PDB file of N, CA and C in Angstrom:
ATOM      1  N   UNK A   1     -48.829  30.733  33.743  1.00  0.00           N
ATOM      2  CA  UNK A   1     -47.281  30.582  33.482  1.00  0.00           C
ATOM      3  C   UNK A   1     -47.212  32.019  33.717  1.00  0.00           C
ATOM      4  N   UNK A   2     -48.145  33.008  33.300  1.00  0.00           N
ATOM      5  CA  UNK A   2     -47.293  34.746  33.090  1.00  0.00           C
ATOM      6  C   UNK A   2     -47.463  34.905  34.770  1.00  0.00           C
ATOM      7  N   UNK A   3     -48.641  34.006  35.964  1.00  0.00           N
ATOM      8  CA  UNK A   3     -48.598  34.489  37.086  1.00  0.00           C
ATOM      9  C   UNK A   3     -47.185  34.025  37.704  1.00  0.00           C
ATOM     10  N   UNK A   4     -46.400  32.963  37.233  1.00  0.00           N
ATOM     11  CA  UNK A   4     -45.568  32.048  37.977  1.00  0.00           C
ATOM     12  C   UNK A   4     -44.407  33.098  38.097  1.00  0.00           C
ATOM     13  N   UNK A   5     -43.981  33.463  36.598  1.00  0.00           N
ATOM     14  CA  UNK A   5     -42.847  34.636  36.120  1.00  0.00           C
ATOM     15  C   UNK A   5     -43.458  35.664  37.537  1.00  0.00           C
ATOM     16  N   UNK A   6     -44.080  36.254  37.011  1.00  0.00           N
ATOM     17  CA  UNK A   6     -44.327  37.007  38.058  1.00  0.00           C
ATOM     18  C   UNK A   6     -44.270  37.113  39.395  1.00  0.00           C
ATOM     19  N   UNK A   7     -44.429  35.813  40.110  1.00  0.00           N
ATOM     20  CA  UNK A   7     -44.140  35.082  41.439  1.00  0.00           C
ATOM     21  C   UNK A   7     -43.063  35.490  41.922  1.00  0.00           C
ATOM     22  N   UNK A   8     -42.258  34.342  41.034  1.00  0.00           N
ATOM     23  CA  UNK A   8     -40.424  34.846  41.010  1.00  0.00           C
ATOM     24  C   UNK A   8     -40.046  36.055  40.774  1.00  0.00           C
ATOM     25  N   UNK A   9     -40.486  36.775  40.177  1.00  0.00           N
ATOM     26  CA  UNK A   9     -40.082  38.285  40.141  1.00  0.00           C
ATOM     27  C   UNK A   9     -40.333  39.052  41.548  1.00  0.00           C
ATOM     28  N   UNK A  10     -41.239  38.735  42.033  1.00  0.00           N
ATOM     29  CA  UNK A  10     -42.328  39.451  43.447  1.00  0.00           C
ATOM     30  C   UNK A  10     -41.165  38.508  44.544  1.00  0.00           C
ATOM     31  N   UNK A  11     -40.666  37.262  44.327  1.00  0.00           N
ATOM     32  CA  UNK A  11     -40.156  36.431  45.492  1.00  0.00           C
ATOM     33  C   UNK A  11     -38.537  37.168  45.314  1.00  0.00           C
ATOM     34  N   UNK A  12     -38.178  37.398  44.112  1.00  0.00           N
ATOM     35  CA  UNK A  12     -36.415  37.333  44.064  1.00  0.00           C
ATOM     36  C   UNK A  12     -36.516  38.973  44.651  1.00  0.00           C
ATOM     37  N   UNK A  13     -37.308  39.872  44.229  1.00  0.00           N
ATOM     38  CA  UNK A  13     -37.214  41.018  44.865  1.00  0.00           C
ATOM     39  C   UNK A  13     -37.636  41.517  46.708  1.00  0.00           C
ATOM     40  N   UNK A  14     -38.248  40.503  47.159  1.00  0.00           N
ATOM     41  CA  UNK A  14     -38.663  40.272  48.250  1.00  0.00           C
ATOM     42  C   UNK A  14     -37.153  40.148  48.810  1.00  0.00           C
ATOM     43  N   UNK A  15     -36.700  38.501  48.807  1.00  0.00           N
ATOM     44  CA  UNK A  15     -35.557  38.106  48.850  1.00  0.00           C
ATOM     45  C   UNK A  15     -34.473  39.199  48.889  1.00  0.00           C
ATOM     46  N   UNK A  16     -34.265  40.057  47.960  1.00  0.00           N
ATOM     47  CA  UNK A  16     -33.258  40.975  47.973  1.00  0.00           C
ATOM     48  C   UNK A  16     -33.311  41.991  48.620  1.00  0.00           C
ATOM     49  N   UNK A  17     -34.468  42.662  49.187  1.00  0.00           N
ATOM     50  CA  UNK A  17     -35.161  43.546  50.062  1.00  0.00           C
ATOM     51  C   UNK A  17     -34.454  42.917  51.344  1.00  0.00           C
ATOM     52  N   UNK A  18     -34.663  41.908  51.778  1.00  0.00           N
ATOM     53  CA  UNK A  18     -34.380  40.987  53.144  1.00  0.00           C
ATOM     54  C   UNK A  18     -32.834  40.905  53.114  1.00  0.00           C
ATOM     55  N   UNK A  19     -32.468  40.499  51.806  1.00  0.00           N
ATOM     56  CA  UNK A  19     -30.599  40.366  52.024  1.00  0.00           C
ATOM     57  C   UNK A  19     -30.183  41.459  52.265  1.00  0.00           C
ATOM     58  N   UNK A  20     -30.408  42.546  51.625  1.00  0.00           N
ATOM     59  CA  UNK A  20     -29.854  43.580  51.626  1.00  0.00           C
ATOM     60  C   UNK A  20     -30.056  43.957  53.548  1.00  0.00           C
ATOM     61  N   UNK A  21     -31.059  43.781  53.915  1.00  0.00           N
ATOM     62  CA  UNK A  21     -31.023  44.064  55.506  1.00  0.00           C
ATOM     63  C   UNK A  21     -30.160  43.237  56.078  1.00  0.00           C
ATOM     64  N   UNK A  22     -29.701  42.124  55.753  1.00  0.00           N
ATOM     65  CA  UNK A  22     -29.211  40.870  56.513  1.00  0.00           C
ATOM     66  C   UNK A  22     -27.842  41.374  56.237  1.00  0.00           C
ATOM     67  N   UNK A  23     -27.469  42.189  55.096  1.00  0.00           N
ATOM     68  CA  UNK A  23     -25.791  41.952  54.793  1.00  0.00           C
ATOM     69  C   UNK A  23     -25.717  43.737  55.180  1.00  0.00           C
ATOM     70  N   UNK A  24     -26.653  43.940  55.754  1.00  0.00           N
ATOM     71  CA  UNK A  24     -26.578  45.610  56.506  1.00  0.00           C
ATOM     72  C   UNK A  24     -26.750  45.710  58.149  1.00  0.00           C
ATOM     73  N   UNK A  25     -26.943  44.576  58.507  1.00  0.00           N
ATOM     74  CA  UNK A  25     -26.912  44.116  60.031  1.00  0.00           C
ATOM     75  C   UNK A  25     -25.910  44.322  60.799  1.00  0.00           C
ATOM     76  N   UNK A  26     -26.232  44.790  62.328  1.00  0.00           N
ATOM     77  CA  UNK A  26     -25.213  44.759  63.185  1.00  0.00           C
ATOM     78  C   UNK A  26     -24.705  43.443  63.376  1.00  0.00           C
ATOM     79  N   UNK A  27     -25.424  42.385  63.115  1.00  0.00           N
ATOM     80  CA  UNK A  27     -24.437  41.086  63.510  1.00  0.00           C
ATOM     81  C   UNK A  27     -23.459  40.656  62.098  1.00  0.00           C
ATOM     82  N   UNK A  28     -23.940  41.199  60.705  1.00  0.00           N
ATOM     83  CA  UNK A  28     -23.109  41.012  59.698  1.00  0.00           C
ATOM     84  C   UNK A  28     -22.047  41.902  59.808  1.00  0.00           C
ATOM     85  N   UNK A  29     -21.858  42.794  60.202  1.00  0.00           N
ATOM     86  CA  UNK A  29     -20.864  44.170  60.464  1.00  0.00           C
ATOM     87  C   UNK A  29     -20.214  43.438  61.298  1.00  0.00           C
ATOM     88  N   UNK A  30     -20.321  42.642  62.252  1.00  0.00           N
ATOM     89  CA  UNK A  30     -19.640  41.933  62.929  1.00  0.00           C
ATOM     90  C   UNK A  30     -18.584  40.779  62.782  1.00  0.00           C
ATOM     91  N   UNK A  31     -19.539  40.093  61.788  1.00  0.00           N
ATOM     92  CA  UNK A  31     -18.904  39.057  60.948  1.00  0.00           C
ATOM     93  C   UNK A  31     -17.792  39.796  59.870  1.00  0.00           C
ATOM     94  N   UNK A  32     -18.071  40.838  59.322  1.00  0.00           N
ATOM     95  CA  UNK A  32     -17.263  41.646  58.499  1.00  0.00           C
ATOM     96  C   UNK A  32     -15.970  42.074  59.154  1.00  0.00           C
ATOM     97  N   UNK A  33     -16.246  42.385  60.356  1.00  0.00           N
ATOM     98  CA  UNK A  33     -15.490  43.376  61.290  1.00  0.00           C
ATOM     99  C   UNK A  33     -14.173  41.672  61.615  1.00  0.00           C
ATOM    100  N   UNK A  34     -14.994  40.538  62.139  1.00  0.00           N
ATOM    101  CA  UNK A  34     -13.958  40.040  62.577  1.00  0.00           C
ATOM    102  C   UNK A  34     -13.072  38.928  61.623  1.00  0.00           C
ATOM    103  N   UNK A  35     -13.900  39.198  60.388  1.00  0.00           N
ATOM    104  CA  UNK A  35     -13.166  38.297  59.020  1.00  0.00           C
ATOM    105  C   UNK A  35     -12.014  39.102  58.659  1.00  0.00           C
ATOM    106  N   UNK A  36     -12.228  40.925  58.561  1.00  0.00           N
ATOM    107  CA  UNK A  36     -11.237  41.781  58.112  1.00  0.00           C
ATOM    108  C   UNK A  36      -9.931  41.454  59.271  1.00  0.00           C
ATOM    109  N   UNK A  37     -10.395  41.514  60.626  1.00  0.00           N
ATOM    110  CA  UNK A  37      -9.390  41.570  61.200  1.00  0.00           C
ATOM    111  C   UNK A  37      -8.291  40.400  61.263  1.00  0.00           C
ATOM    112  N   UNK A  38      -9.355  39.256  60.824  1.00  0.00           N
ATOM    113  CA  UNK A  38      -8.313  37.896  61.021  1.00  0.00           C
ATOM    114  C   UNK A  38      -7.521  37.740  59.075  1.00  0.00           C
ATOM    115  N   UNK A  39      -7.926  38.913  58.278  1.00  0.00           N
ATOM    116  CA  UNK A  39      -7.145  38.758  57.330  1.00  0.00           C
ATOM    117  C   UNK A  39      -5.753  39.655  57.417  1.00  0.00           C
ATOM    118  N   UNK A  40      -6.188  40.888  57.908  1.00  0.00           N
ATOM    119  CA  UNK A  40      -4.889  41.762  58.675  1.00  0.00           C
ATOM    120  C   UNK A  40      -3.866  40.660  59.459  1.00  0.00           C
ATOM    121  N   UNK A  41      -4.156  39.418  60.171  1.00  0.00           N
ATOM    122  CA  UNK A  41      -3.518  39.036  60.968  1.00  0.00           C
ATOM    123  C   UNK A  41      -2.699  38.402  59.871  1.00  0.00           C
ATOM    124  N   UNK A  42      -3.469  37.651  59.390  1.00  0.00           N
ATOM    125  CA  UNK A  42      -2.737  36.683  58.300  1.00  0.00           C
ATOM    126  C   UNK A  42      -2.183  37.303  57.180  1.00  0.00           C
ATOM    127  N   UNK A  43      -2.319  38.607  56.884  1.00  0.00           N
ATOM    128  CA  UNK A  43      -1.141  39.685  56.069  1.00  0.00           C
ATOM    129  C   UNK A  43       0.199  39.701  56.518  1.00  0.00           C
ATOM    130  N   UNK A  44       0.122  39.920  58.138  1.00  0.00           N
ATOM    131  CA  UNK A  44       1.041  40.474  59.056  1.00  0.00           C
ATOM    132  C   UNK A  44       1.967  39.407  58.852  1.00  0.00           C
ATOM    133  N   UNK A  45       1.502  37.942  58.997  1.00  0.00           N
ATOM    134  CA  UNK A  45       2.307  36.737  58.995  1.00  0.00           C
ATOM    135  C   UNK A  45       2.753  36.232  58.083  1.00  0.00           C
ATOM    136  N   UNK A  46       2.534  36.673  56.416  1.00  0.00           N
ATOM    137  CA  UNK A  46       2.739  36.501  55.291  1.00  0.00           C
ATOM    138  C   UNK A  46       4.094  37.793  55.186  1.00  0.00           C
ATOM    139  N   UNK A  47       3.805  38.516  55.485  1.00  0.00           N
ATOM    140  CA  UNK A  47       4.815  39.693  55.471  1.00  0.00           C
ATOM    141  C   UNK A  47       6.123  39.060  56.221  1.00  0.00           C
ATOM    142  N   UNK A  48       5.967  38.729  57.462  1.00  0.00           N
ATOM    143  CA  UNK A  48       6.940  38.528  57.944  1.00  0.00           C
ATOM    144  C   UNK A  48       7.782  37.041  57.332  1.00  0.00           C
ATOM    145  N   UNK A  49       7.068  36.080  56.821  1.00  0.00           N
ATOM    146  CA  UNK A  49       7.691  35.134  56.215  1.00  0.00           C
ATOM    147  C   UNK A  49       8.395  35.718  54.663  1.00  0.00           C
ATOM    148  N   UNK A  50       7.537  36.596  54.184  1.00  0.00           N
ATOM    149  CA  UNK A  50       8.662  37.403  52.734  1.00  0.00           C
ATOM    150  C   UNK A  50       9.720  38.071  53.726  1.00  0.00           C
ATOM    151  N   UNK A  51       9.406  38.665  54.278  1.00  0.00           N
ATOM    152  CA  UNK A  51      10.967  39.045  55.050  1.00  0.00           C
ATOM    153  C   UNK A  51      12.024  37.925  55.244  1.00  0.00           C
ATOM    154  N   UNK A  52      11.549  37.284  55.830  1.00  0.00           N
ATOM    155  CA  UNK A  52      12.757  36.487  56.175  1.00  0.00           C
ATOM    156  C   UNK A  52      12.981  35.478  54.957  1.00  0.00           C
ATOM    157  N   UNK A  53      12.463  35.260  54.187  1.00  0.00           N
ATOM    158  CA  UNK A  53      12.529  34.709  52.386  1.00  0.00           C
ATOM    159  C   UNK A  53      13.784  35.615  51.846  1.00  0.00           C
ATOM    160  N   UNK A  54      13.311  36.783  51.551  1.00  0.00           N
ATOM    161  CA  UNK A  54      13.770  38.297  51.177  1.00  0.00           C
ATOM    162  C   UNK A  54      15.348  38.083  51.769  1.00  0.00           C
ATOM    163  N   UNK A  55      15.575  37.999  53.302  1.00  0.00           N
ATOM    164  CA  UNK A  55      17.089  38.081  53.982  1.00  0.00           C
ATOM    165  C   UNK A  55      18.058  36.943  53.764  1.00  0.00           C
ATOM    166  N   UNK A  56      16.932  35.812  53.845  1.00  0.00           N
ATOM    167  CA  UNK A  56      17.825  34.592  53.241  1.00  0.00           C
ATOM    168  C   UNK A  56      18.320  34.845  52.020  1.00  0.00           C
ATOM    169  N   UNK A  57      17.417  35.054  50.971  1.00  0.00           N
ATOM    170  CA  UNK A  57      17.968  35.103  49.471  1.00  0.00           C
ATOM    171  C   UNK A  57      18.900  36.050  48.911  1.00  0.00           C
ATOM    172  N   UNK A  58      19.128  37.268  50.147  1.00  0.00           N
ATOM    173  CA  UNK A  58      20.115  38.263  50.221  1.00  0.00           C
ATOM    174  C   UNK A  58      21.360  37.569  50.570  1.00  0.00           C
ATOM    175  N   UNK A  59      21.151  36.717  51.450  1.00  0.00           N
ATOM    176  CA  UNK A  59      22.599  36.550  52.338  1.00  0.00           C
ATOM    177  C   UNK A  59      22.946  35.221  51.177  1.00  0.00           C
ATOM    178  N   UNK A  60      22.193  34.260  50.256  1.00  0.00           N
ATOM    179  CA  UNK A  60      22.641  33.844  49.495  1.00  0.00           C
ATOM    180  C   UNK A  60      23.315  34.111  48.234  1.00  0.00           C
ATOM    181  N   UNK A  61      22.563  35.372  47.587  1.00  0.00           N
ATOM    182  CA  UNK A  61      23.467  36.166  46.665  1.00  0.00           C
ATOM    183  C   UNK A  61      24.556  36.371  47.299  1.00  0.00           C
ATOM    184  N   UNK A  62      24.853  37.479  48.520  1.00  0.00           N
ATOM    185  CA  UNK A  62      26.229  37.538  48.893  1.00  0.00           C
ATOM    186  C   UNK A  62      27.057  36.677  48.588  1.00  0.00           C
ATOM    187  N   UNK A  63      26.573  35.247  49.370  1.00  0.00           N
ATOM    188  CA  UNK A  63      27.488  34.240  49.374  1.00  0.00           C
ATOM    189  C   UNK A  63      28.234  33.769  48.258  1.00  0.00           C
ATOM    190  N   UNK A  64      27.282  33.734  47.130  1.00  0.00           N
ATOM    191  CA  UNK A  64      27.552  32.975  45.539  1.00  0.00           C
ATOM    192  C   UNK A  64      28.556  34.770  44.694  1.00  0.00           C
ATOM    193  N   UNK A  65      28.027  35.378  44.978  1.00  0.00           N
ATOM    194  CA  UNK A  65      28.935  36.758  44.389  1.00  0.00           C
ATOM    195  C   UNK A  65      30.639  36.564  45.636  1.00  0.00           C
ATOM    196  N   UNK A  66      30.566  36.780  46.426  1.00  0.00           N
ATOM    197  CA  UNK A  66      32.139  36.027  47.166  1.00  0.00           C
ATOM    198  C   UNK A  66      32.740  34.500  46.678  1.00  0.00           C
ATOM    199  N   UNK A  67      31.750  33.908  46.430  1.00  0.00           N
ATOM    200  CA  UNK A  67      32.552  32.405  45.800  1.00  0.00           C
ATOM    201  C   UNK A  67      33.027  32.755  44.120  1.00  0.00           C
ATOM    202  N   UNK A  68      32.337  33.471  43.293  1.00  0.00           N
ATOM    203  CA  UNK A  68      32.865  33.794  42.385  1.00  0.00           C
ATOM    204  C   UNK A  68      33.740  34.747  42.234  1.00  0.00           C
ATOM    205  N   UNK A  69      33.991  35.564  42.956  1.00  0.00           N
ATOM    206  CA  UNK A  69      34.951  36.566  43.134  1.00  0.00           C
ATOM    207  C   UNK A  69      36.480  35.869  43.366  1.00  0.00           C
ATOM    208  N   UNK A  70      36.024  34.469  44.350  1.00  0.00           N
ATOM    209  CA  UNK A  70      36.847  34.056  44.362  1.00  0.00           C
ATOM    210  C   UNK A  70      37.720  33.405  43.637  1.00  0.00           C
ATOM    211  N   UNK A  71      36.993  32.519  42.479  1.00  0.00           N
ATOM    212  CA  UNK A  71      37.304  31.889  41.723  1.00  0.00           C
ATOM    213  C   UNK A  71      37.884  32.611  40.341  1.00  0.00           C
ATOM    214  N   UNK A  72      36.935  33.705  40.426  1.00  0.00           N
ATOM    215  CA  UNK A  72      38.071  34.493  39.482  1.00  0.00           C
ATOM    216  C   UNK A  72      39.249  35.399  40.017  1.00  0.00           C
ATOM    217  N   UNK A  73      39.352  35.206  40.937  1.00  0.00           N
ATOM    218  CA  UNK A  73      40.760  35.564  41.929  1.00  0.00           C
ATOM    219  C   UNK A  73      41.788  34.321  41.211  1.00  0.00           C
ATOM    220  N   UNK A  74      41.527  33.085  41.444  1.00  0.00           N
ATOM    221  CA  UNK A  74      41.932  31.838  41.145  1.00  0.00           C
ATOM    222  C   UNK A  74      42.453  31.801  40.048  1.00  0.00           C
ATOM    223  N   UNK A  75      41.548  31.868  38.744  1.00  0.00           N
ATOM    224  CA  UNK A  75      41.695  31.920  37.628  1.00  0.00           C
ATOM    225  C   UNK A  75      42.985  32.865  37.115  1.00  0.00           C
ATOM    226  N   UNK A  76      42.589  33.489  37.661  1.00  0.00           N
ATOM    227  CA  UNK A  76      43.656  34.932  37.427  1.00  0.00           C
ATOM    228  C   UNK A  76      44.938  35.336  37.828  1.00  0.00           C
ATOM    229  N   UNK A  77      45.058  34.287  39.143  1.00  0.00           N
ATOM    230  CA  UNK A  77      46.138  33.817  39.438  1.00  0.00           C
ATOM    231  C   UNK A  77      47.065  32.768  38.444  1.00  0.00           C
ATOM    232  N   UNK A  78      46.178  31.819  38.296  1.00  0.00           N
ATOM    233  CA  UNK A  78      46.818  30.492  36.835  1.00  0.00           C
ATOM    234  C   UNK A  78      47.091  31.351  35.858  1.00  0.00           C
ATOM    235  N   UNK A  79      46.320  32.204  35.567  1.00  0.00           N
ATOM    236  CA  UNK A  79      46.700  32.934  34.096  1.00  0.00           C
ATOM    237  C   UNK A  79      48.193  33.198  34.183  1.00  0.00           C
ATOM    238  N   UNK A  80      47.906  34.210  35.320  1.00  0.00           N
ATOM    239  CA  UNK A  80      49.588  34.855  35.127  1.00  0.00           C
ATOM    240  C   UNK A  80      50.692  33.606  35.627  1.00  0.00           C
ATOM    241  N   UNK A  81      50.710  32.910  36.074  1.00  0.00           N
ATOM    242  CA  UNK A  81      51.390  32.245  36.435  1.00  0.00           C
ATOM    243  C   UNK A  81      51.468  31.261  35.364  1.00  0.00           C
ATOM    244  N   UNK A  82      50.675  30.567  34.292  1.00  0.00           N
ATOM    245  CA  UNK A  82      50.810  29.953  33.014  1.00  0.00           C
ATOM    246  C   UNK A  82      51.547  31.339  31.742  1.00  0.00           C
ATOM    247  N   UNK A  83      51.478  32.088  32.145  1.00  0.00           N
ATOM    248  CA  UNK A  83      51.847  33.526  31.451  1.00  0.00           C
ATOM    249  C   UNK A  83      53.679  33.719  31.649  1.00  0.00           C
ATOM    250  N   UNK A  84      53.583  33.718  33.211  1.00  0.00           N
ATOM    251  CA  UNK A  84      54.904  33.556  33.373  1.00  0.00           C
ATOM    252  C   UNK A  84      56.206  32.797  32.819  1.00  0.00           C
ATOM    253  N   UNK A  85      55.487  31.229  33.220  1.00  0.00           N
ATOM    254  CA  UNK A  85      55.826  29.924  32.244  1.00  0.00           C
ATOM    255  C   UNK A  85      56.237  30.018  31.160  1.00  0.00           C
ATOM    256  N   UNK A  86      55.272  30.403  30.282  1.00  0.00           N
ATOM    257  CA  UNK A  86      55.179  30.543  28.702  1.00  0.00           C
ATOM    258  C   UNK A  86      56.385  31.416  28.610  1.00  0.00           C
ATOM    259  N   UNK A  87      56.443  32.542  29.252  1.00  0.00           N
ATOM    260  CA  UNK A  87      57.601  33.380  29.137  1.00  0.00           C
ATOM    261  C   UNK A  87      58.960  33.171  29.542  1.00  0.00           C
ATOM    262  N   UNK A  88      58.969  32.366  30.371  1.00  0.00           N
ATOM    263  CA  UNK A  88      60.793  31.526  30.747  1.00  0.00           C
ATOM    264  C   UNK A  88      60.492  30.615  30.059  1.00  0.00           C
ATOM    265  N   UNK A  89      59.839  29.881  29.288  1.00  0.00           N
ATOM    266  CA  UNK A  89      59.687  28.567  28.533  1.00  0.00           C
ATOM    267  C   UNK A  89      60.559  29.501  27.158  1.00  0.00           C
ATOM    268  N   UNK A  90      59.889  30.853  27.074  1.00  0.00           N
ATOM    269  CA  UNK A  90      60.313  31.039  25.229  1.00  0.00           C
ATOM    270  C   UNK A  90      61.550  31.701  25.108  1.00  0.00           C
ATOM    271  N   UNK A  91      62.068  32.157  26.985  1.00  0.00           N
ATOM    272  CA  UNK A  91      63.108  33.114  26.941  1.00  0.00           C
ATOM    273  C   UNK A  91      64.448  31.893  26.953  1.00  0.00           C
ATOM    274  N   UNK A  92      64.123  30.516  27.438  1.00  0.00           N
ATOM    275  CA  UNK A  92      64.713  29.420  27.609  1.00  0.00           C
ATOM    276  C   UNK A  92      65.383  29.023  26.374  1.00  0.00           C
ATOM    277  N   UNK A  93      64.318  28.938  25.228  1.00  0.00           N
ATOM    278  CA  UNK A  93      63.925  28.277  23.993  1.00  0.00           C
ATOM    279  C   UNK A  93      64.919  29.386  23.235  1.00  0.00           C
ATOM    280  N   UNK A  94      64.603  30.810  23.459  1.00  0.00           N
ATOM    281  CA  UNK A  94      65.418  31.814  22.774  1.00  0.00           C
ATOM    282  C   UNK A  94      67.068  31.625  23.052  1.00  0.00           C
ATOM    283  N   UNK A  95      67.630  31.396  23.977  1.00  0.00           N
ATOM    284  CA  UNK A  95      69.180  31.164  24.469  1.00  0.00           C
ATOM    285  C   UNK A  95      69.623  30.189  23.868  1.00  0.00           C
TER     286      UNK A  95
END
């Protein structure tokens, strides 16, 4: 039983040392380079999408502000007209 555990330990050490060699090999570096290049291309595409989305959101926010300003101006104009009507009515009843 002790020899079995020792065999697993030796096998793990051997596999680990070959694993390091495999991970640092020229072929592995090529794979890492191609993977990194793909990730960078993907990042560029995502950033284009984010920029487009941000511009659309800014356009929507500007249009919403314009709508709210127009509504406020219409409300203010109605309030002035109502106040004028109220004053005219008060003057008419005072005479």
